Amino acid sequence: MRQIYVKDDVFPLGIEEKDIDGVMVRIYDKERMLIELLRNKNKMPYDLYKEIIVSYREMIMNLEIWRIQEYTAVFPKSKMIAKALDEEVM
């Protein structure tokens, strides 16, 4: 995998702190990770992408849809992200 850069205005979206084995770690929530997956799907192997999409389909009832919509609206190419979300996850 390669490092992916994002603009400063979208970087903090979806960051949360979790306690993992007594260590506080800053990570993105599942909704933000879905957005990143859709934005960068052409940069990863197709079989890995499809495997992750299937996982998201299985957990769709546990996701905060409003967060996904909020995040999507802020990113460049938001229409492409929304279309991929509707076609591949929902």
PDB file of N, CA and C in Angstrom:
ATOM      1  N   MET A   1       0.834  -1.186   0.000  1.00  0.00           N
ATOM      2  CA  MET A   1       0.000   0.000   0.000  1.00  0.00           C
ATOM      3  C   MET A   1       0.879   1.250   0.000  1.00  0.00           C
ATOM      4  N   ARG A   2       0.322   2.282  -0.584  1.00  0.00           N
ATOM      5  CA  ARG A   2       1.013   3.564  -0.621  1.00  0.00           C
ATOM      6  C   ARG A   2       0.280   4.556   0.264  1.00  0.00           C
ATOM      7  N   GLN A   3       1.019   5.528   0.732  1.00  0.00           N
ATOM      8  CA  GLN A   3       0.430   6.578   1.536  1.00  0.00           C
ATOM      9  C   GLN A   3      -0.457   7.444   0.660  1.00  0.00           C
ATOM     10  N   ILE A   4      -1.600   7.845   1.207  1.00  0.00           N
ATOM     11  CA  ILE A   4      -2.540   8.691   0.484  1.00  0.00           C
ATOM     12  C   ILE A   4      -2.661  10.011   1.243  1.00  0.00           C
ATOM     13  N   TYR A   5      -2.536  11.100   0.537  1.00  0.00           N
ATOM     14  CA  TYR A   5      -2.632  12.422   1.153  1.00  0.00           C
ATOM     15  C   TYR A   5      -4.027  12.991   0.933  1.00  0.00           C
ATOM     16  N   VAL A   6      -4.521  13.721   1.924  1.00  0.00           N
ATOM     17  CA  VAL A   6      -5.805  14.402   1.800  1.00  0.00           C
ATOM     18  C   VAL A   6      -5.619  15.855   2.213  1.00  0.00           C
ATOM     19  N   LYS A   7      -6.520  16.701   1.750  1.00  0.00           N
ATOM     20  CA  LYS A   7      -6.457  18.120   2.090  1.00  0.00           C
ATOM     21  C   LYS A   7      -6.749  18.329   3.570  1.00  0.00           C
ATOM     22  N   ASP A   8      -6.216  19.409   4.098  1.00  0.00           N
ATOM     23  CA  ASP A   8      -6.360  19.713   5.519  1.00  0.00           C
ATOM     24  C   ASP A   8      -7.812  19.832   5.974  1.00  0.00           C
ATOM     25  N   ASP A   9      -8.693  20.296   5.084  1.00  0.00           N
ATOM     26  CA  ASP A   9     -10.082  20.504   5.493  1.00  0.00           C
ATOM     27  C   ASP A   9     -10.850  19.196   5.666  1.00  0.00           C
ATOM     28  N   VAL A  10     -10.414  18.108   5.026  1.00  0.00           N
ATOM     29  CA  VAL A  10     -11.114  16.831   5.169  1.00  0.00           C
ATOM     30  C   VAL A  10     -10.369  15.851   6.075  1.00  0.00           C
ATOM     31  N   PHE A  11      -9.131  16.146   6.391  1.00  0.00           N
ATOM     32  CA  PHE A  11      -8.337  15.239   7.218  1.00  0.00           C
ATOM     33  C   PHE A  11      -9.008  14.878   8.544  1.00  0.00           C
ATOM     34  N   PRO A  12      -9.547  15.831   9.308  1.00  0.00           N
ATOM     35  CA  PRO A  12     -10.091  15.472  10.630  1.00  0.00           C
ATOM     36  C   PRO A  12     -11.462  14.785  10.616  1.00  0.00           C
ATOM     37  N   LEU A  13     -12.136  14.732   9.480  1.00  0.00           N
ATOM     38  CA  LEU A  13     -13.467  14.124   9.436  1.00  0.00           C
ATOM     39  C   LEU A  13     -13.418  12.649   9.811  1.00  0.00           C
ATOM     40  N   GLY A  14     -14.177  12.276  10.813  1.00  0.00           N
ATOM     41  CA  GLY A  14     -14.282  10.872  11.194  1.00  0.00           C
ATOM     42  C   GLY A  14     -13.227  10.374  12.161  1.00  0.00           C
ATOM     43  N   ILE A  15     -12.359  11.237  12.628  1.00  0.00           N
ATOM     44  CA  ILE A  15     -11.345  10.788  13.583  1.00  0.00           C
ATOM     45  C   ILE A  15     -12.012  10.551  14.933  1.00  0.00           C
ATOM     46  N   GLU A  16     -11.666   9.420  15.521  1.00  0.00           N
ATOM     47  CA  GLU A  16     -12.131   9.110  16.870  1.00  0.00           C
ATOM     48  C   GLU A  16     -10.980   8.496  17.648  1.00  0.00           C
ATOM     49  N   GLU A  17     -11.087   8.555  18.957  1.00  0.00           N
ATOM     50  CA  GLU A  17     -10.061   7.958  19.815  1.00  0.00           C
ATOM     51  C   GLU A  17     -10.614   6.684  20.418  1.00  0.00           C
ATOM     52  N   LYS A  18      -9.806   5.625  20.359  1.00  0.00           N
ATOM     53  CA  LYS A  18     -10.200   4.341  20.928  1.00  0.00           C
ATOM     54  C   LYS A  18      -9.093   3.848  21.832  1.00  0.00           C
ATOM     55  N   ASP A  19      -9.517   3.184  22.897  1.00  0.00           N
ATOM     56  CA  ASP A  19      -8.568   2.553  23.807  1.00  0.00           C
ATOM     57  C   ASP A  19      -8.304   1.143  23.293  1.00  0.00           C
ATOM     58  N   ILE A  20      -7.080   0.896  22.881  1.00  0.00           N
ATOM     59  CA  ILE A  20      -6.686  -0.422  22.407  1.00  0.00           C
ATOM     60  C   ILE A  20      -5.572  -0.922  23.308  1.00  0.00           C
ATOM     61  N   ASP A  21      -5.919  -1.904  24.131  1.00  0.00           N
ATOM     62  CA  ASP A  21      -4.968  -2.488  25.087  1.00  0.00           C
ATOM     63  C   ASP A  21      -4.319  -1.420  25.965  1.00  0.00           C
ATOM     64  N   GLY A  22      -5.117  -0.473  26.434  1.00  0.00           N
ATOM     65  CA  GLY A  22      -4.624   0.557  27.333  1.00  0.00           C
ATOM     66  C   GLY A  22      -3.948   1.733  26.664  1.00  0.00           C
ATOM     67  N   VAL A  23      -3.935   1.757  25.348  1.00  0.00           N
ATOM     68  CA  VAL A  23      -3.301   2.853  24.600  1.00  0.00           C
ATOM     69  C   VAL A  23      -4.378   3.579  23.815  1.00  0.00           C
ATOM     70  N   MET A  24      -4.444   4.900  23.967  1.00  0.00           N
ATOM     71  CA  MET A  24      -5.400   5.692  23.208  1.00  0.00           C
ATOM     72  C   MET A  24      -4.855   5.919  21.801  1.00  0.00           C
ATOM     73  N   VAL A  25      -5.640   5.502  20.819  1.00  0.00           N
ATOM     74  CA  VAL A  25      -5.227   5.576  19.425  1.00  0.00           C
ATOM     75  C   VAL A  25      -6.250   6.395  18.646  1.00  0.00           C
ATOM     76  N   ARG A  26      -5.767   7.284  17.788  1.00  0.00           N
ATOM     77  CA  ARG A  26      -6.653   8.070  16.915  1.00  0.00           C
ATOM     78  C   ARG A  26      -6.789   7.327  15.598  1.00  0.00           C
ATOM     79  N   ILE A  27      -8.031   6.976  15.261  1.00  0.00           N
ATOM     80  CA  ILE A  27      -8.311   6.256  14.030  1.00  0.00           C
ATOM     81  C   ILE A  27      -9.543   6.859  13.366  1.00  0.00           C
ATOM     82  N   TYR A  28      -9.759   6.503  12.112  1.00  0.00           N
ATOM     83  CA  TYR A  28     -10.983   6.919  11.433  1.00  0.00           C
ATOM     84  C   TYR A  28     -12.102   5.942  11.755  1.00  0.00           C
ATOM     85  N   ASP A  29     -13.325   6.454  11.815  1.00  0.00           N
ATOM     86  CA  ASP A  29     -14.484   5.589  12.032  1.00  0.00           C
ATOM     87  C   ASP A  29     -14.774   4.778  10.768  1.00  0.00           C
ATOM     88  N   LYS A  30     -15.645   3.791  10.886  1.00  0.00           N
ATOM     89  CA  LYS A  30     -15.964   2.895   9.767  1.00  0.00           C
ATOM     90  C   LYS A  30     -16.565   3.652   8.586  1.00  0.00           C
ATOM     91  N   GLU A  31     -17.347   4.672   8.884  1.00  0.00           N
ATOM     92  CA  GLU A  31     -17.976   5.451   7.819  1.00  0.00           C
ATOM     93  C   GLU A  31     -16.935   6.183   6.976  1.00  0.00           C
ATOM     94  N   ARG A  32     -15.950   6.771   7.633  1.00  0.00           N
ATOM     95  CA  ARG A  32     -14.886   7.476   6.895  1.00  0.00           C
ATOM     96  C   ARG A  32     -14.052   6.478   6.104  1.00  0.00           C
ATOM     97  N   MET A  33     -13.799   5.323   6.677  1.00  0.00           N
ATOM     98  CA  MET A  33     -13.014   4.317   5.960  1.00  0.00           C
ATOM     99  C   MET A  33     -13.744   3.838   4.703  1.00  0.00           C
ATOM    100  N   LEU A  34     -15.069   3.784   4.768  1.00  0.00           N
ATOM    101  CA  LEU A  34     -15.840   3.430   3.583  1.00  0.00           C
ATOM    102  C   LEU A  34     -15.652   4.483   2.494  1.00  0.00           C
ATOM    103  N   ILE A  35     -15.696   5.733   2.874  1.00  0.00           N
ATOM    104  CA  ILE A  35     -15.476   6.820   1.910  1.00  0.00           C
ATOM    105  C   ILE A  35     -14.088   6.694   1.289  1.00  0.00           C
ATOM    106  N   GLU A  36     -13.085   6.441   2.100  1.00  0.00           N
ATOM    107  CA  GLU A  36     -11.721   6.288   1.585  1.00  0.00           C
ATOM    108  C   GLU A  36     -11.619   5.093   0.645  1.00  0.00           C
ATOM    109  N   LEU A  37     -12.309   4.013   0.978  1.00  0.00           N
ATOM    110  CA  LEU A  37     -12.325   2.845   0.108  1.00  0.00           C
ATOM    111  C   LEU A  37     -12.896   3.197  -1.257  1.00  0.00           C
ATOM    112  N   LEU A  38     -14.030   3.874  -1.265  1.00  0.00           N
ATOM    113  CA  LEU A  38     -14.679   4.234  -2.525  1.00  0.00           C
ATOM    114  C   LEU A  38     -13.839   5.236  -3.327  1.00  0.00           C
ATOM    115  N   ARG A  39     -13.201   6.164  -2.635  1.00  0.00           N
ATOM    116  CA  ARG A  39     -12.368   7.163  -3.312  1.00  0.00           C
ATOM    117  C   ARG A  39     -11.138   6.543  -3.963  1.00  0.00           C
ATOM    118  N   ASN A  40     -10.640   5.480  -3.370  1.00  0.00           N
ATOM    119  CA  ASN A  40      -9.356   4.924  -3.798  1.00  0.00           C
ATOM    120  C   ASN A  40      -9.458   3.511  -4.347  1.00  0.00           C
ATOM    121  N   LYS A  41     -10.640   3.126  -4.794  1.00  0.00           N
ATOM    122  CA  LYS A  41     -10.841   1.742  -5.232  1.00  0.00           C
ATOM    123  C   LYS A  41      -9.957   1.348  -6.412  1.00  0.00           C
ATOM    124  N   ASN A  42      -9.579   2.274  -7.244  1.00  0.00           N
ATOM    125  CA  ASN A  42      -8.724   1.945  -8.392  1.00  0.00           C
ATOM    126  C   ASN A  42      -7.255   1.795  -8.017  1.00  0.00           C
ATOM    127  N   LYS A  43      -6.927   2.066  -6.767  1.00  0.00           N
ATOM    128  CA  LYS A  43      -5.538   1.980  -6.320  1.00  0.00           C
ATOM    129  C   LYS A  43      -5.268   0.691  -5.555  1.00  0.00           C
ATOM    130  N   MET A  44      -6.231  -0.224  -5.537  1.00  0.00           N
ATOM    131  CA  MET A  44      -6.038  -1.477  -4.807  1.00  0.00           C
ATOM    132  C   MET A  44      -6.465  -2.656  -5.666  1.00  0.00           C
ATOM    133  N   PRO A  45      -5.985  -3.837  -5.315  1.00  0.00           N
ATOM    134  CA  PRO A  45      -6.388  -5.021  -6.086  1.00  0.00           C
ATOM    135  C   PRO A  45      -7.909  -5.210  -6.035  1.00  0.00           C
ATOM    136  N   TYR A  46      -8.476  -5.568  -7.179  1.00  0.00           N
ATOM    137  CA  TYR A  46      -9.924  -5.699  -7.301  1.00  0.00           C
ATOM    138  C   TYR A  46     -10.502  -6.710  -6.310  1.00  0.00           C
ATOM    139  N   ASP A  47      -9.848  -7.853  -6.118  1.00  0.00           N
ATOM    140  CA  ASP A  47     -10.374  -8.870  -5.205  1.00  0.00           C
ATOM    141  C   ASP A  47     -10.394  -8.376  -3.760  1.00  0.00           C
ATOM    142  N   LEU A  48      -9.406  -7.600  -3.353  1.00  0.00           N
ATOM    143  CA  LEU A  48      -9.396  -7.023  -2.010  1.00  0.00           C
ATOM    144  C   LEU A  48     -10.523  -6.008  -1.860  1.00  0.00           C
ATOM    145  N   TYR A  49     -10.693  -5.163  -2.865  1.00  0.00           N
ATOM    146  CA  TYR A  49     -11.767  -4.179  -2.851  1.00  0.00           C
ATOM    147  C   TYR A  49     -13.129  -4.855  -2.688  1.00  0.00           C
ATOM    148  N   LYS A  50     -13.400  -5.889  -3.484  1.00  0.00           N
ATOM    149  CA  LYS A  50     -14.689  -6.582  -3.416  1.00  0.00           C
ATOM    150  C   LYS A  50     -14.891  -7.257  -2.058  1.00  0.00           C
ATOM    151  N   GLU A  51     -13.842  -7.800  -1.492  1.00  0.00           N
ATOM    152  CA  GLU A  51     -13.933  -8.431  -0.172  1.00  0.00           C
ATOM    153  C   GLU A  51     -14.345  -7.412   0.895  1.00  0.00           C
ATOM    154  N   ILE A  52     -13.766  -6.243   0.831  1.00  0.00           N
ATOM    155  CA  ILE A  52     -14.091  -5.196   1.803  1.00  0.00           C
ATOM    156  C   ILE A  52     -15.517  -4.691   1.578  1.00  0.00           C
ATOM    157  N   ILE A  53     -15.928  -4.527   0.332  1.00  0.00           N
ATOM    158  CA  ILE A  53     -17.302  -4.096   0.022  1.00  0.00           C
ATOM    159  C   ILE A  53     -18.309  -5.093   0.585  1.00  0.00           C
ATOM    160  N   VAL A  54     -18.046  -6.382   0.441  1.00  0.00           N
ATOM    161  CA  VAL A  54     -18.946  -7.407   0.990  1.00  0.00           C
ATOM    162  C   VAL A  54     -19.043  -7.253   2.506  1.00  0.00           C
ATOM    163  N   SER A  55     -17.941  -6.979   3.159  1.00  0.00           N
ATOM    164  CA  SER A  55     -17.954  -6.765   4.614  1.00  0.00           C
ATOM    165  C   SER A  55     -18.816  -5.562   4.984  1.00  0.00           C
ATOM    166  N   TYR A  56     -18.702  -4.489   4.202  1.00  0.00           N
ATOM    167  CA  TYR A  56     -19.528  -3.311   4.467  1.00  0.00           C
ATOM    168  C   TYR A  56     -21.006  -3.594   4.230  1.00  0.00           C
ATOM    169  N   ARG A  57     -21.330  -4.385   3.226  1.00  0.00           N
ATOM    170  CA  ARG A  57     -22.736  -4.740   2.993  1.00  0.00           C
ATOM    171  C   ARG A  57     -23.312  -5.491   4.187  1.00  0.00           C
ATOM    172  N   GLU A  58     -22.494  -6.347   4.800  1.00  0.00           N
ATOM    173  CA  GLU A  58     -22.945  -7.129   5.948  1.00  0.00           C
ATOM    174  C   GLU A  58     -23.168  -6.262   7.186  1.00  0.00           C
ATOM    175  N   MET A  59     -22.449  -5.158   7.303  1.00  0.00           N
ATOM    176  CA  MET A  59     -22.572  -4.316   8.494  1.00  0.00           C
ATOM    177  C   MET A  59     -23.364  -3.027   8.247  1.00  0.00           C
ATOM    178  N   ILE A  60     -24.027  -2.915   7.118  1.00  0.00           N
ATOM    179  CA  ILE A  60     -24.690  -1.665   6.734  1.00  0.00           C
ATOM    180  C   ILE A  60     -25.694  -1.191   7.790  1.00  0.00           C
ATOM    181  N   MET A  61     -26.357  -2.092   8.474  1.00  0.00           N
ATOM    182  CA  MET A  61     -27.339  -1.703   9.491  1.00  0.00           C
ATOM    183  C   MET A  61     -26.678  -1.090  10.728  1.00  0.00           C
ATOM    184  N   ASN A  62     -25.384  -1.303  10.897  1.00  0.00           N
ATOM    185  CA  ASN A  62     -24.656  -0.775  12.049  1.00  0.00           C
ATOM    186  C   ASN A  62     -23.909   0.515  11.741  1.00  0.00           C
ATOM    187  N   LEU A  63     -24.018   0.996  10.521  1.00  0.00           N
ATOM    188  CA  LEU A  63     -23.323   2.228  10.146  1.00  0.00           C
ATOM    189  C   LEU A  63     -24.230   3.438  10.322  1.00  0.00           C
ATOM    190  N   GLU A  64     -23.622   4.562  10.568  1.00  0.00           N
ATOM    191  CA  GLU A  64     -24.336   5.834  10.683  1.00  0.00           C
ATOM    192  C   GLU A  64     -24.412   6.436   9.274  1.00  0.00           C
ATOM    193  N   ILE A  65     -25.531   6.213   8.600  1.00  0.00           N
ATOM    194  CA  ILE A  65     -25.692   6.656   7.212  1.00  0.00           C
ATOM    195  C   ILE A  65     -25.542   8.172   7.096  1.00  0.00           C
ATOM    196  N   TRP A  66     -26.032   8.908   8.076  1.00  0.00           N
ATOM    197  CA  TRP A  66     -25.923  10.363   8.022  1.00  0.00           C
ATOM    198  C   TRP A  66     -24.472  10.810   7.999  1.00  0.00           C
ATOM    199  N   ARG A  67     -23.593  10.069   8.693  1.00  0.00           N
ATOM    200  CA  ARG A  67     -22.167  10.413   8.659  1.00  0.00           C
ATOM    201  C   ARG A  67     -21.592  10.198   7.259  1.00  0.00           C
ATOM    202  N   ILE A  68     -21.969   9.088   6.643  1.00  0.00           N
ATOM    203  CA  ILE A  68     -21.490   8.792   5.297  1.00  0.00           C
ATOM    204  C   ILE A  68     -21.917   9.900   4.339  1.00  0.00           C
ATOM    205  N   GLN A  69     -23.166  10.322   4.442  1.00  0.00           N
ATOM    206  CA  GLN A  69     -23.667  11.395   3.585  1.00  0.00           C
ATOM    207  C   GLN A  69     -22.942  12.705   3.859  1.00  0.00           C
ATOM    208  N   GLU A  70     -22.707  12.991   5.122  1.00  0.00           N
ATOM    209  CA  GLU A  70     -22.006  14.219   5.505  1.00  0.00           C
ATOM    210  C   GLU A  70     -20.573  14.210   4.967  1.00  0.00           C
ATOM    211  N   TYR A  71     -19.879  13.111   5.136  1.00  0.00           N
ATOM    212  CA  TYR A  71     -18.505  13.010   4.654  1.00  0.00           C
ATOM    213  C   TYR A  71     -18.454  13.109   3.128  1.00  0.00           C
ATOM    214  N   THR A  72     -19.356  12.407   2.472  1.00  0.00           N
ATOM    215  CA  THR A  72     -19.371  12.398   1.009  1.00  0.00           C
ATOM    216  C   THR A  72     -19.502  13.807   0.447  1.00  0.00           C
ATOM    217  N   ALA A  73     -20.368  14.615   1.043  1.00  0.00           N
ATOM    218  CA  ALA A  73     -20.630  15.968   0.540  1.00  0.00           C
ATOM    219  C   ALA A  73     -19.396  16.860   0.588  1.00  0.00           C
ATOM    220  N   VAL A  74     -18.458  16.578   1.468  1.00  0.00           N
ATOM    221  CA  VAL A  74     -17.292  17.437   1.665  1.00  0.00           C
ATOM    222  C   VAL A  74     -16.151  17.108   0.697  1.00  0.00           C
ATOM    223  N   PHE A  75     -16.088  15.881   0.244  1.00  0.00           N
ATOM    224  CA  PHE A  75     -14.966  15.443  -0.586  1.00  0.00           C
ATOM    225  C   PHE A  75     -15.120  15.865  -2.040  1.00  0.00           C
ATOM    226  N   PRO A  76     -13.969  16.088  -2.696  1.00  0.00           N
ATOM    227  CA  PRO A  76     -14.015  16.282  -4.145  1.00  0.00           C
ATOM    228  C   PRO A  76     -14.579  15.009  -4.793  1.00  0.00           C
ATOM    229  N   LYS A  77     -15.185  15.127  -5.932  1.00  0.00           N
ATOM    230  CA  LYS A  77     -15.792  14.000  -6.635  1.00  0.00           C
ATOM    231  C   LYS A  77     -16.897  13.342  -5.802  1.00  0.00           C
ATOM    232  N   SER A  78     -17.643  14.158  -5.073  1.00  0.00           N
ATOM    233  CA  SER A  78     -18.688  13.629  -4.199  1.00  0.00           C
ATOM    234  C   SER A  78     -19.761  12.869  -4.969  1.00  0.00           C
ATOM    235  N   LYS A  79     -20.044  13.287  -6.196  1.00  0.00           N
ATOM    236  CA  LYS A  79     -21.053  12.574  -6.994  1.00  0.00           C
ATOM    237  C   LYS A  79     -20.584  11.166  -7.331  1.00  0.00           C
ATOM    238  N   MET A  80     -19.312  11.011  -7.649  1.00  0.00           N
ATOM    239  CA  MET A  80     -18.751   9.699  -7.947  1.00  0.00           C
ATOM    240  C   MET A  80     -18.808   8.808  -6.715  1.00  0.00           C
ATOM    241  N   ILE A  81     -18.482   9.363  -5.559  1.00  0.00           N
ATOM    242  CA  ILE A  81     -18.510   8.597  -4.315  1.00  0.00           C
ATOM    243  C   ILE A  81     -19.936   8.172  -3.996  1.00  0.00           C
ATOM    244  N   ALA A  82     -20.887   9.086  -4.120  1.00  0.00           N
ATOM    245  CA  ALA A  82     -22.288   8.778  -3.834  1.00  0.00           C
ATOM    246  C   ALA A  82     -22.819   7.706  -4.777  1.00  0.00           C
ATOM    247  N   LYS A  83     -22.451   7.788  -6.038  1.00  0.00           N
ATOM    248  CA  LYS A  83     -22.895   6.795  -7.017  1.00  0.00           C
ATOM    249  C   LYS A  83     -22.337   5.416  -6.671  1.00  0.00           C
ATOM    250  N   ALA A  84     -21.049   5.342  -6.351  1.00  0.00           N
ATOM    251  CA  ALA A  84     -20.434   4.072  -5.981  1.00  0.00           C
ATOM    252  C   ALA A  84     -21.055   3.513  -4.699  1.00  0.00           C
ATOM    253  N   LEU A  85     -21.362   4.387  -3.767  1.00  0.00           N
ATOM    254  CA  LEU A  85     -22.003   3.971  -2.520  1.00  0.00           C
ATOM    255  C   LEU A  85     -23.355   3.339  -2.794  1.00  0.00           C
ATOM    256  N   ASP A  86     -24.170   4.001  -3.616  1.00  0.00           N
ATOM    257  CA  ASP A  86     -25.492   3.480  -3.957  1.00  0.00           C
ATOM    258  C   ASP A  86     -25.418   2.169  -4.728  1.00  0.00           C
ATOM    259  N   GLU A  87     -24.512   2.076  -5.670  1.00  0.00           N
ATOM    260  CA  GLU A  87     -24.432   0.907  -6.538  1.00  0.00           C
ATOM    261  C   GLU A  87     -23.751  -0.298  -5.895  1.00  0.00           C
ATOM    262  N   GLU A  88     -22.779  -0.048  -5.021  1.00  0.00           N
ATOM    263  CA  GLU A  88     -21.958  -1.152  -4.541  1.00  0.00           C
ATOM    264  C   GLU A  88     -22.177  -1.538  -3.082  1.00  0.00           C
ATOM    265  N   VAL A  89     -22.723  -0.641  -2.282  1.00  0.00           N
ATOM    266  CA  VAL A  89     -22.854  -0.950  -0.862  1.00  0.00           C
ATOM    267  C   VAL A  89     -24.318  -1.051  -0.431  1.00  0.00           C
ATOM    268  N   MET A  90     -25.125  -0.095  -0.807  1.00  0.00           N
ATOM    269  CA  MET A  90     -26.511  -0.051  -0.335  1.00  0.00           C
ATOM    270  C   MET A  90     -27.348  -1.104  -0.941  1.00  0.00           C
TER     271      MET A  90
END
